[in-house]
Amino acid sequence: MYIPSISVIICLIFTCYIAHSVYTLVALFRLPTCSQAPCFQSYLAKEPQLQLVLFTSSTSNPLNSEVSKIHSIQNFNCNNALQRTLHINIPAETRRNGTLYMHFILTADSRKDFTWKSLKQTDPTVIQKMRLTEYKLPKTTTFGLLGDEAKQKKASSNKPVTHIQTKVFLNVLTDLFQMSAVDVPPELAKYVQINRYNEFLPILYVDHLNTRQQDLMEISQKSTNFTLEFNYTPIGVGKLKLFVHVEQAILALKSMGFSNKDIDEVKGIFSNTNLYLLCGTVFIGSIHMLFDFLAFKNDIQFWNRRKNFAGLSARSVLWCAFSQIVIFLYLLDEDTSQLVLIPSGIGAFIEIWKTKKIFRINFNWASIKKSAFTNNKKALIEAESTTRAFDKQAMEYLGYILYPLCICGAVYSLIYQPYKSWYSWIINSLVNGVYAFGFLFMLPQLFINYKMKSVATLPWRALMYKAFNTFIDDVFAFIITMPTSHRIACFRDDIVFIIYLYQRWLYPVDKSRLDNDLSVIGEIDAPENGEQRSKKDN
């Protein structure tokens, strides 16, 4: 009886997930229809003359005396996008770590002196509001570690202060259609208002997906006004339902403990993104997750079952573990999104485990025992000794170039670049060395392959999944916000993987050789009599 492997099961689940996602996305863009009377039609079908009025207040439900009218647009055309630059005064309550709200009023009242009192006297009127302020820690100050500025450094405040949003985005649903009470899409139910003529009023939607953390401005006691960029764009029913779905997902992420910075990265994927590009991004991201899982699974399986490490560069494994730890600490110091931080932490843990395996380090409660990788010659087979010799030779060549460059780079950055602390300088210096020259530590494995004229001992299945993910990372480097050095590093492994593929073609696997026994990607253990068979082949 055939029993599918875990990889096959995961691929089937992934295929079902993609098919369901495509079906759901197509369903979102279907216009509602009227299946039973009475049918409600859009108020905008009559092409009424509308006015858009903007108010601000320091409270969510203000009185007439607590609001300020900041702008009005006569003869507002819902089908035309527009942008306005507004100069808004900041109330004293907001400057004292208070709040500030914006109210959007779409009304058929054409009076230029439209006031807050007129809301109850005008029909139809649609109201939406948005909180402009957010409590956030002030940005950490950087300074020159060797200069006089260090003495003038101000202690960073741990108290959140008021920040105000400098960009606002508003949408109105402009699709014309009819629907009955039972046909109202669940996503739009809370926005639908029906008048006495069986018309649903214009649907206003405040777009929170385009409001980003980078557009927040810190407010102090001396801040009296700020410049607000108001953006209006008409929206279709499909895109509106999609945005509502994403907002609900964001609220779920917040309830799970994700920070505003992490949420902001998710917003960046959906904001100002073409629908086709968005679908491509979701599809590529899903493939990336699939390859990540398969690469982790095959890598762990390979190293878990491996008993003989001939042909594998121990120093490259050790360097990869060190690099992953440094990168993780750097991303943590830079307060990077958890979308980047969590995979980096998982990768660091796996590399540490691989180092433990290849150096034969055993941990127990009484002591730490290490089977001497360099001294216990009797415990090693001849092939491993040969591999270590080639590995050491390759590292010596790299050391002549690598270490002076890293030291010079660290000294230069200390003199000319500002940092938050000495710890930040150390981490940045280490990570710059990793990003700039880290790919060089993948070269010893290439050197060993060249000397042994074989690539059979490498975990090729895991390497191929990682290679595919490397090219996918090249795409995501332009989508997800991350430090520039981390963005550039996404491209560093491409050349090395191409060389690995060239060596794969140059040194084809001979099915009759011993090293083929070692090349099965973690599926079988190396034979215990490997040393005798190796000598026999030689």
Protein backbone atom coordinates (compact mmCIF):
# COMPACT_ATOMS: atom_id res chain seq x y z
CA MET A 1 0.00 0.00 0.00
CA TYR A 2 1.40 3.38 -1.02
CA ILE A 3 1.78 5.85 1.85
CA PRO A 4 2.55 9.41 0.70
CA SER A 5 5.50 11.18 2.27
CA ILE A 6 5.21 14.29 4.42
CA SER A 7 6.50 16.43 1.52
CA VAL A 8 3.76 15.11 -0.79
CA ILE A 9 1.09 15.75 1.84
CA ILE A 10 2.36 19.31 2.43
CA CYS A 11 2.40 20.01 -1.32
CA LEU A 12 -1.18 18.76 -1.65
CA ILE A 13 -2.29 20.97 1.24
CA PHE A 14 -0.47 23.90 -0.36
CA THR A 15 -2.24 23.28 -3.70
CA CYS A 16 -5.63 23.19 -1.97
CA TYR A 17 -4.78 26.39 -0.10
CA ILE A 18 -3.86 28.22 -3.33
CA ALA A 19 -7.03 26.99 -5.07
CA HIS A 20 -9.19 28.12 -2.13
CA SER A 21 -7.44 31.52 -2.05
CA VAL A 22 -8.06 32.06 -5.77
CA TYR A 23 -11.73 31.10 -5.38
CA THR A 24 -12.16 33.44 -2.41
CA LEU A 25 -10.47 36.31 -4.24
CA VAL A 26 -12.68 35.87 -7.31
CA ALA A 27 -15.78 35.75 -5.11
CA LEU A 28 -14.86 39.06 -3.49
CA PHE A 29 -14.99 40.87 -6.83
CA ARG A 30 -18.48 39.71 -7.76
CA LEU A 31 -21.05 42.51 -7.63
CA PRO A 32 -24.00 41.89 -5.29
CA THR A 33 -27.34 41.18 -6.96
CA CYS A 34 -30.94 41.60 -5.88
CA SER A 35 -32.57 38.22 -5.32
CA GLN A 36 -35.80 39.38 -3.67
CA ALA A 37 -37.81 42.56 -3.19
CA PRO A 38 -37.40 45.21 -2.04
CA CYS A 39 -34.26 46.04 -4.01
CA PHE A 40 -32.00 48.81 -2.79
CA GLN A 41 -30.12 50.87 -5.36
CA SER A 42 -27.21 53.22 -4.89
CA TYR A 43 -27.98 56.82 -3.96
CA LEU A 44 -25.15 57.84 -6.30
CA ALA A 45 -27.13 56.54 -9.31
CA LYS A 46 -29.06 59.85 -9.35
CA GLU A 47 -25.75 61.76 -9.63
CA PRO A 48 -26.58 64.07 -6.70
CA GLN A 49 -24.67 67.22 -5.86
CA LEU A 50 -22.57 66.45 -2.78
CA GLN A 51 -20.26 68.25 -0.40
CA LEU A 52 -17.38 66.75 1.58
CA VAL A 53 -16.61 68.49 4.87
CA LEU A 54 -13.74 67.73 7.25
CA PHE A 55 -13.76 68.44 10.99
CA THR A 56 -11.26 67.76 13.78
CA SER A 57 -11.82 67.33 17.49
CA SER A 58 -9.88 66.18 20.54
CA THR A 59 -12.61 63.70 21.53
CA SER A 60 -14.35 60.87 19.74
CA ASN A 61 -17.91 62.20 20.19
CA PRO A 62 -17.50 65.97 20.40
CA LEU A 63 -19.96 68.74 21.10
CA ASN A 64 -20.41 71.60 18.67
CA SER A 65 -17.97 73.77 20.66
CA GLU A 66 -15.25 71.08 20.54
CA VAL A 67 -14.91 70.72 16.78
CA SER A 68 -12.99 72.71 14.20
CA LYS A 69 -13.92 72.86 10.54
CA ILE A 70 -10.73 72.55 8.52
CA HIS A 71 -11.84 72.05 4.93
CA SER A 72 -14.83 71.62 2.64
CA ILE A 73 -15.11 70.57 -1.01
CA GLN A 74 -18.12 71.91 -2.88
CA ASN A 75 -19.59 69.93 -5.79
CA PHE A 76 -17.67 66.86 -4.70
CA ASN A 77 -17.39 64.29 -7.51
CA CYS A 78 -17.00 60.79 -6.09
CA ASN A 79 -15.57 59.43 -9.34
CA ASN A 80 -12.53 61.71 -9.43
CA ALA A 81 -9.49 61.20 -7.21
CA LEU A 82 -8.08 64.26 -5.50
CA GLN A 83 -5.40 65.36 -3.07
CA ARG A 84 -5.29 68.34 -0.71
CA THR A 85 -2.59 69.74 1.56
CA LEU A 86 -4.13 71.05 4.78
CA HIS A 87 -2.58 73.07 7.59
CA ILE A 88 -4.20 72.08 10.88
CA ASN A 89 -3.88 73.65 14.31
CA ILE A 90 -3.14 71.26 17.17
CA PRO A 91 -5.43 71.74 20.21
CA ALA A 92 -3.84 72.20 23.62
CA GLU A 93 -5.38 68.91 24.81
CA THR A 94 -3.58 67.03 22.04
CA ARG A 95 -0.24 68.69 22.82
CA ARG A 96 -0.56 67.45 26.40
CA ASN A 97 -0.32 63.82 25.25
CA GLY A 98 -3.97 63.86 24.22
CA THR A 99 -5.79 62.60 21.14
CA LEU A 100 -7.03 64.10 17.88
CA TYR A 101 -9.82 62.79 15.64
CA MET A 102 -10.87 63.65 12.10
CA HIS A 103 -14.51 63.47 11.02
CA PHE A 104 -15.48 63.02 7.37
CA ILE A 105 -18.95 64.31 6.43
CA LEU A 106 -20.47 63.55 3.02
CA THR A 107 -23.70 65.49 2.67
CA ALA A 108 -26.20 66.74 0.10
CA ASP A 109 -26.27 70.11 1.88
CA SER A 110 -24.57 72.61 -0.46
CA ARG A 111 -24.27 75.50 2.04
CA LYS A 112 -20.77 76.90 2.37
CA ASP A 113 -21.34 77.64 6.07
CA PHE A 114 -22.13 74.02 6.87
CA THR A 115 -21.58 73.50 10.61
CA TRP A 116 -21.49 70.61 13.05
CA LYS A 117 -24.98 71.60 14.23
CA SER A 118 -26.30 71.03 10.71
CA LEU A 119 -25.64 67.29 10.90
CA LYS A 120 -28.99 66.49 12.50
CA GLN A 121 -30.82 68.82 10.14
CA THR A 122 -29.44 67.46 6.86
CA ASP A 123 -30.55 64.35 5.02
CA PRO A 124 -28.83 62.40 3.66
CA THR A 125 -25.56 62.64 5.57
CA VAL A 126 -22.84 60.01 5.95
CA ILE A 127 -20.24 60.29 8.71
CA GLN A 128 -16.96 58.45 9.29
CA LYS A 129 -14.21 59.26 11.75
CA MET A 130 -10.57 58.41 12.18
CA ARG A 131 -8.14 58.72 15.06
CA LEU A 132 -5.15 60.73 13.88
CA THR A 133 -2.97 60.22 16.96
CA GLU A 134 -1.07 57.23 18.24
CA TYR A 135 1.04 56.67 21.35
CA LYS A 136 4.53 55.60 20.43
CA LEU A 137 8.02 55.60 21.93
CA PRO A 138 10.21 58.44 20.58
CA LYS A 139 12.91 57.48 18.12
CA THR A 140 16.21 56.48 19.75
CA THR A 141 18.93 59.10 19.45
CA THR A 142 22.20 58.20 17.73
CA PHE A 143 25.53 59.93 18.38
CA GLY A 144 29.23 59.73 17.60
CA LEU A 145 30.84 57.35 20.10
CA LEU A 146 34.26 59.05 19.92
CA GLY A 147 33.12 62.65 19.58
CA ASP A 148 31.90 65.32 22.00
CA GLU A 149 28.32 64.55 21.04
CA ALA A 150 28.44 61.54 23.33
CA LYS A 151 28.59 63.86 26.32
CA GLN A 152 25.56 65.73 25.05
CA LYS A 153 23.47 62.66 24.51
CA LYS A 154 20.03 62.84 26.05
CA ALA A 155 18.65 59.82 27.79
CA SER A 156 15.99 58.13 25.70
CA SER A 157 12.52 58.34 27.17
CA ASN A 158 10.72 55.08 27.87
CA LYS A 159 7.39 56.87 28.03
CA PRO A 160 5.19 56.78 24.91
CA VAL A 161 4.32 60.20 23.53
CA THR A 162 1.68 61.40 21.10
CA HIS A 163 2.44 61.03 17.41
CA ILE A 164 0.11 62.37 14.73
CA GLN A 165 -0.64 60.93 11.32
CA THR A 166 0.38 63.27 8.48
CA LYS A 167 -1.42 61.37 5.70
CA VAL A 168 -5.10 60.45 5.50
CA PHE A 169 -6.82 58.29 2.88
CA LEU A 170 -10.56 58.23 2.19
CA ASN A 171 -12.55 56.09 -0.26
CA VAL A 172 -16.15 56.11 -1.50
CA LEU A 173 -17.73 53.05 -3.10
CA THR A 174 -18.68 54.16 -6.62
CA ASP A 175 -19.91 50.88 -8.17
CA LEU A 176 -23.59 51.11 -9.11
CA PHE A 177 -25.63 47.99 -8.37
CA GLN A 178 -28.80 46.81 -6.68
CA MET A 179 -29.14 44.46 -3.71
CA SER A 180 -31.73 43.26 -1.26
CA ALA A 181 -31.44 42.93 2.50
CA VAL A 182 -30.36 39.30 2.23
CA ASP A 183 -27.75 40.09 -0.45
CA VAL A 184 -25.77 42.65 1.54
CA PRO A 185 -22.13 41.40 1.69
CA PRO A 186 -21.11 40.68 5.31
CA GLU A 187 -18.01 42.86 4.87
CA LEU A 188 -20.16 45.91 4.01
CA ALA A 189 -23.04 45.35 6.44
CA LYS A 190 -21.84 47.88 9.01
CA TYR A 191 -21.39 50.56 6.34
CA VAL A 192 -24.79 50.25 4.63
CA GLN A 193 -27.44 52.84 5.48
CA ILE A 194 -30.88 52.74 3.83
CA ASN A 195 -33.04 55.88 3.41
CA ARG A 196 -36.82 56.07 3.03
CA TYR A 197 -36.56 55.78 -0.74
CA ASN A 198 -34.99 52.30 -0.55
CA GLU A 199 -31.59 53.68 -1.51
CA PHE A 200 -28.35 52.82 0.24
CA LEU A 201 -26.34 55.93 1.00
CA PRO A 202 -22.76 56.41 -0.24
CA ILE A 203 -20.36 54.11 1.58
CA LEU A 204 -17.41 55.99 3.10
CA TYR A 205 -14.36 53.96 3.97
CA VAL A 206 -11.35 55.32 5.88
CA ASP A 207 -8.35 53.47 4.46
CA HIS A 208 -6.09 52.46 7.36
CA LEU A 209 -3.89 50.22 5.18
CA ASN A 210 -2.15 53.22 3.62
CA THR A 211 -1.46 54.92 6.95
CA ARG A 212 2.12 53.92 7.76
CA GLN A 213 4.37 54.31 10.79
CA GLN A 214 6.85 56.33 8.74
CA ASP A 215 4.20 59.06 8.30
CA LEU A 216 3.79 59.62 12.05
CA MET A 217 5.11 62.90 13.47
CA GLU A 218 6.02 63.35 17.13
CA ILE A 219 4.04 66.04 18.96
CA SER A 220 5.54 68.16 21.72
CA GLN A 221 4.29 71.04 23.85
CA LYS A 222 5.74 73.47 21.29
CA SER A 223 3.94 71.90 18.32
CA THR A 224 1.12 74.26 17.34
CA ASN A 225 0.25 73.02 13.85
CA PHE A 226 1.10 70.36 11.30
CA THR A 227 0.65 69.69 7.59
CA LEU A 228 -1.82 66.98 6.63
CA GLU A 229 -1.97 65.34 3.21
CA PHE A 230 -5.57 64.38 2.43
CA ASN A 231 -6.05 61.78 -0.31
CA TYR A 232 -9.35 60.69 -1.83
CA THR A 233 -9.74 57.76 -4.25
CA PRO A 234 -12.90 56.07 -5.56
CA ILE A 235 -13.01 52.35 -4.84
CA GLY A 236 -14.79 49.31 -6.29
CA VAL A 237 -16.75 46.75 -4.32
CA GLY A 238 -14.14 43.99 -4.75
CA LYS A 239 -11.22 46.05 -3.52
CA LEU A 240 -13.29 47.44 -0.64
CA LYS A 241 -14.27 43.94 0.53
CA LEU A 242 -10.64 42.85 0.24
CA PHE A 243 -9.47 45.79 2.37
CA VAL A 244 -12.09 45.02 5.02
CA HIS A 245 -10.89 41.40 5.12
CA VAL A 246 -7.28 42.54 5.54
CA GLU A 247 -8.25 44.92 8.35
CA GLN A 248 -9.95 42.06 10.18
CA ALA A 249 -6.80 39.97 9.76
CA ILE A 250 -4.73 42.84 11.14
CA LEU A 251 -6.96 43.06 14.22
CA ALA A 252 -6.42 39.32 14.70
CA LEU A 253 -2.65 39.82 14.50
CA LYS A 254 -2.85 42.56 17.12
CA SER A 255 -4.79 40.28 19.43
CA MET A 256 -1.99 37.72 19.01
CA GLY A 257 0.57 40.23 20.30
CA PHE A 258 2.06 41.58 17.07
CA SER A 259 3.40 45.12 17.46
CA ASN A 260 2.40 48.15 15.38
CA LYS A 261 5.71 47.87 13.54
CA ASP A 262 4.92 44.30 12.48
CA ILE A 263 1.42 45.34 11.43
CA ASP A 264 2.94 48.16 9.40
CA GLU A 265 4.94 45.66 7.33
CA VAL A 266 1.76 43.78 6.51
CA LYS A 267 0.11 47.03 5.47
CA GLY A 268 3.03 47.76 3.16
CA ILE A 269 2.23 44.66 1.12
CA PHE A 270 -1.35 45.82 0.44
CA SER A 271 -1.06 49.61 0.28
CA ASN A 272 -0.74 51.25 -3.15
CA THR A 273 -0.33 47.83 -4.74
CA ASN A 274 -1.75 46.79 -8.09
CA LEU A 275 -4.22 43.93 -7.74
CA TYR A 276 -2.24 41.64 -10.05
CA LEU A 277 0.99 42.47 -8.22
CA LEU A 278 -0.79 41.78 -4.92
CA CYS A 279 -1.97 38.37 -6.12
CA GLY A 280 1.54 37.60 -7.33
CA THR A 281 2.98 38.65 -3.98
CA VAL A 282 0.58 36.40 -2.06
CA PHE A 283 1.32 33.48 -4.40
CA ILE A 284 5.09 33.96 -4.19
CA GLY A 285 4.88 34.35 -0.42
CA SER A 286 2.97 31.07 -0.16
CA ILE A 287 5.59 29.29 -2.27
CA HIS A 288 8.30 30.83 -0.07
CA MET A 289 6.68 29.39 3.06
CA LEU A 290 6.36 25.99 1.39
CA PHE A 291 10.02 25.94 0.34
CA ASP A 292 11.07 27.19 3.79
CA PHE A 293 9.30 24.27 5.42
CA LEU A 294 10.66 21.71 2.94
CA ALA A 295 14.19 23.13 3.24
CA PHE A 296 14.07 23.00 7.04
CA LYS A 297 12.62 19.49 6.98
CA ASN A 298 15.20 18.07 4.59
CA ASP A 299 18.10 19.92 6.21
CA ILE A 300 17.18 18.62 9.67
CA GLN A 301 16.58 15.14 8.29
CA PHE A 302 19.95 15.11 6.54
CA TRP A 303 21.92 16.22 9.60
CA ASN A 304 19.93 14.11 12.04
CA ARG A 305 20.66 10.86 10.17
CA ARG A 306 24.21 11.72 9.21
CA LYS A 307 26.94 9.73 10.98
CA ASN A 308 29.85 10.47 8.65
CA PHE A 309 30.80 14.06 7.78
CA ALA A 310 33.34 13.41 5.06
CA GLY A 311 33.17 16.03 2.32
CA LEU A 312 31.42 18.63 4.51
CA SER A 313 33.16 21.83 5.61
CA ALA A 314 33.01 22.04 9.41
CA ARG A 315 34.31 25.61 9.40
CA SER A 316 31.60 26.69 6.98
CA VAL A 317 28.97 25.21 9.30
CA LEU A 318 30.53 26.97 12.29
CA TRP A 319 30.63 30.25 10.39
CA CYS A 320 27.01 29.89 9.31
CA ALA A 321 25.99 29.44 12.94
CA PHE A 322 28.00 32.50 14.00
CA SER A 323 26.59 34.54 11.10
CA GLN A 324 22.99 33.63 11.88
CA ILE A 325 23.42 34.57 15.54
CA VAL A 326 24.98 37.93 14.62
CA ILE A 327 22.26 38.66 12.05
CA PHE A 328 19.55 37.77 14.58
CA LEU A 329 21.07 40.09 17.21
CA TYR A 330 21.41 42.85 14.61
CA LEU A 331 17.78 42.57 13.49
CA LEU A 332 16.75 42.54 17.15
CA ASP A 333 18.81 45.68 17.83
CA GLU A 334 17.27 47.42 14.79
CA ASP A 335 13.75 46.54 16.02
CA THR A 336 13.03 44.80 12.72
CA SER A 337 9.64 43.32 11.91
CA GLN A 338 8.93 39.88 13.34
CA LEU A 339 8.19 38.80 9.77
CA VAL A 340 11.97 38.92 9.27
CA LEU A 341 13.09 38.34 12.88
CA ILE A 342 11.30 35.04 13.58
CA PRO A 343 12.64 33.15 10.51
CA SER A 344 16.11 34.47 11.32
CA GLY A 345 15.86 33.14 14.88
CA ILE A 346 14.71 29.72 13.67
CA GLY A 347 17.60 29.62 11.19
CA ALA A 348 20.10 30.49 13.94
CA PHE A 349 18.80 27.67 16.15
CA ILE A 350 19.12 25.13 13.33
CA GLU A 351 22.68 26.25 12.52
CA ILE A 352 23.69 25.88 16.19
CA TRP A 353 22.25 22.37 16.20
CA LYS A 354 24.19 21.50 13.03
CA THR A 355 27.39 22.79 14.66
CA LYS A 356 26.74 20.51 17.63
CA LYS A 357 26.36 17.56 15.25
CA ILE A 358 29.44 18.11 13.10
CA PHE A 359 31.72 18.86 16.08
CA ARG A 360 30.21 15.96 18.05
CA ILE A 361 29.38 18.01 21.14
CA ASN A 362 27.23 16.19 23.69
CA PHE A 363 25.40 17.97 26.51
CA ASN A 364 24.22 16.42 29.76
CA TRP A 365 23.27 17.64 33.22
CA ALA A 366 26.62 16.72 34.79
CA SER A 367 29.03 18.18 32.26
CA ILE A 368 29.66 19.11 28.68
CA LYS A 369 31.47 16.43 26.76
CA LYS A 370 33.10 17.05 23.40
CA SER A 371 34.37 14.23 21.25
CA ALA A 372 37.53 15.95 20.15
CA PHE A 373 37.05 16.74 16.49
CA THR A 374 40.66 17.71 15.99
CA ASN A 375 42.54 15.54 18.47
CA ASN A 376 40.80 12.17 18.58
CA LYS A 377 42.24 10.79 15.34
CA LYS A 378 41.10 7.26 16.02
CA ALA A 379 37.45 8.33 16.09
CA LEU A 380 37.64 9.81 12.61
CA ILE A 381 37.77 8.10 9.30
CA GLU A 382 40.39 8.97 6.74
CA ALA A 383 37.94 10.85 4.50
CA GLU A 384 37.02 13.25 7.31
CA SER A 385 40.70 13.94 8.00
CA THR A 386 41.22 14.77 4.33
CA THR A 387 38.18 17.03 4.37
CA ARG A 388 39.47 18.92 7.43
CA ALA A 389 42.83 19.47 5.75
CA PHE A 390 41.20 21.01 2.66
CA ASP A 391 38.87 23.02 4.91
CA LYS A 392 41.77 24.47 6.91
CA GLN A 393 43.68 25.32 3.74
CA ALA A 394 40.71 27.20 2.27
CA MET A 395 40.16 29.19 5.47
CA GLU A 396 43.80 30.24 5.58
CA TYR A 397 43.50 31.74 2.11
CA LEU A 398 40.31 33.60 3.04
CA GLY A 399 41.77 34.90 6.31
CA TYR A 400 44.45 36.91 4.51
CA ILE A 401 41.77 39.06 2.90
CA LEU A 402 38.77 38.80 5.20
CA TYR A 403 40.07 39.79 8.64
CA PRO A 404 41.93 43.00 7.62
CA LEU A 405 38.88 44.20 5.68
CA CYS A 406 36.54 43.56 8.64
CA ILE A 407 38.84 45.37 11.07
CA CYS A 408 39.24 48.37 8.75
CA GLY A 409 35.49 48.56 8.24
CA ALA A 410 34.81 48.50 11.99
CA VAL A 411 37.35 51.29 12.66
CA TYR A 412 35.95 53.42 9.84
CA SER A 413 32.38 53.09 11.08
CA LEU A 414 33.46 53.95 14.65
CA ILE A 415 35.02 57.21 13.49
CA TYR A 416 32.52 58.42 10.93
CA GLN A 417 29.11 56.90 11.75
CA PRO A 418 26.72 57.52 14.68
CA TYR A 419 25.35 54.68 16.83
CA LYS A 420 22.93 54.26 19.70
CA SER A 421 25.51 52.58 21.96
CA TRP A 422 28.79 50.67 21.99
CA TYR A 423 26.81 47.45 21.81
CA SER A 424 25.09 48.74 18.67
CA TRP A 425 28.51 49.51 17.11
CA ILE A 426 29.82 46.02 17.90
CA ILE A 427 26.74 44.32 16.44
CA ASN A 428 26.77 46.57 13.37
CA SER A 429 30.48 45.95 12.78
CA LEU A 430 30.01 42.20 13.04
CA VAL A 431 26.95 42.15 10.83
CA ASN A 432 28.62 44.36 8.22
CA GLY A 433 31.41 41.81 8.04
CA VAL A 434 28.85 39.03 7.74
CA TYR A 435 26.85 40.82 5.05
CA ALA A 436 29.83 42.07 3.06
CA PHE A 437 32.05 39.00 3.23
CA GLY A 438 29.82 36.27 4.67
CA PHE A 439 29.33 34.60 1.32
CA LEU A 440 33.12 34.01 1.24
CA PHE A 441 32.69 31.46 4.03
CA MET A 442 30.61 29.38 1.68
CA LEU A 443 33.69 29.08 -0.55
CA PRO A 444 35.54 26.47 1.59
CA GLN A 445 32.80 23.99 0.70
CA LEU A 446 33.35 24.82 -2.97
CA PHE A 447 37.10 24.33 -2.45
CA ILE A 448 36.51 20.92 -0.82
CA ASN A 449 34.24 19.91 -3.71
CA TYR A 450 36.97 20.93 -6.13
CA LYS A 451 39.72 19.02 -4.31
CA MET A 452 37.62 15.87 -3.81
CA LYS A 453 36.08 16.14 -7.29
CA SER A 454 32.71 15.27 -5.79
CA VAL A 455 29.54 16.95 -4.57
CA ALA A 456 27.82 13.72 -3.53
CA THR A 457 28.03 14.45 0.20
CA LEU A 458 26.01 17.67 0.04
CA PRO A 459 22.32 17.83 1.05
CA TRP A 460 21.19 18.68 -2.46
CA ARG A 461 17.47 18.54 -1.84
CA ALA A 462 17.70 21.08 0.98
CA LEU A 463 20.16 23.18 -1.04
CA MET A 464 17.77 23.39 -3.97
CA TYR A 465 14.89 24.52 -1.77
CA LYS A 466 17.19 27.16 -0.27
CA ALA A 467 18.30 28.23 -3.76
CA PHE A 468 14.69 28.75 -4.84
CA ASN A 469 14.01 30.71 -1.66
CA THR A 470 17.09 32.84 -2.29
CA PHE A 471 15.63 34.04 -5.57
CA ILE A 472 12.26 34.58 -3.92
CA ASP A 473 14.02 36.64 -1.22
CA ASP A 474 15.35 38.84 -4.01
CA VAL A 475 11.75 39.73 -4.80
CA PHE A 476 10.71 40.25 -1.17
CA ALA A 477 13.74 42.49 -0.58
CA PHE A 478 11.82 45.23 -2.40
CA ILE A 479 8.48 44.57 -0.68
CA ILE A 480 9.13 44.14 3.07
CA THR A 481 10.88 46.94 4.93
CA MET A 482 14.25 45.88 6.33
CA PRO A 483 17.73 47.36 6.96
CA THR A 484 19.55 48.21 3.73
CA SER A 485 22.47 45.91 4.50
CA HIS A 486 20.05 43.02 5.07
CA ARG A 487 18.32 43.88 1.80
CA ILE A 488 21.62 43.80 -0.13
CA ALA A 489 22.60 40.53 1.54
CA CYS A 490 19.56 38.85 0.00
CA PHE A 491 21.44 38.93 -3.32
CA ARG A 492 24.79 37.64 -2.07
CA ASP A 493 24.06 33.90 -2.22
CA ASP A 494 22.82 33.84 -5.81
CA ILE A 495 26.30 33.56 -7.33
CA VAL A 496 27.40 30.87 -4.87
CA PHE A 497 24.35 28.74 -5.61
CA ILE A 498 25.07 29.05 -9.33
CA ILE A 499 28.62 27.78 -8.70
CA TYR A 500 27.20 24.88 -6.69
CA LEU A 501 25.00 23.99 -9.66
CA TYR A 502 28.00 24.20 -11.99
CA GLN A 503 29.92 21.80 -9.73
CA ARG A 504 26.90 19.52 -9.66
CA TRP A 505 27.13 19.35 -13.47
CA LEU A 506 30.94 19.15 -13.47
CA TYR A 507 31.16 16.30 -10.92
CA PRO A 508 28.19 14.03 -11.71
CA VAL A 509 27.32 11.49 -9.03
CA ASP A 510 28.66 8.01 -9.76
CA LYS A 511 26.12 5.49 -8.50
CA SER A 512 28.86 2.91 -7.87
CA ARG A 513 30.94 5.12 -5.58
CA LEU A 514 30.87 5.19 -1.81
CA ASP A 515 30.20 8.89 -1.64
CA ASN A 516 26.89 8.22 -3.32
CA ASP A 517 25.96 6.32 -0.17
CA LEU A 518 26.63 9.51 1.71
CA SER A 519 24.80 11.72 -0.73
CA VAL A 520 21.30 10.42 -0.09
CA ILE A 521 19.78 13.56 1.33
CA GLY A 522 19.37 12.42 4.87
CA GLU A 523 17.37 9.41 3.79
CA ILE A 524 19.85 6.71 4.86
CA ASP A 525 22.75 6.60 7.27
CA ALA A 526 26.32 6.34 6.08
CA PRO A 527 27.59 2.73 6.28
CA GLU A 528 29.63 1.91 9.34
CA ASN A 529 32.32 0.21 7.28
CA GLY A 530 32.69 3.35 5.15
CA GLU A 531 36.41 3.63 5.90
CA GLN A 532 37.18 0.12 4.64
CA ARG A 533 35.12 0.59 1.48
CA SER A 534 36.78 3.95 0.85
CA LYS A 535 40.23 2.38 1.05
CA LYS A 536 39.10 -0.42 -1.24
CA ASP A 537 37.88 2.06 -3.88
CA ASN A 538 41.12 3.98 -3.63
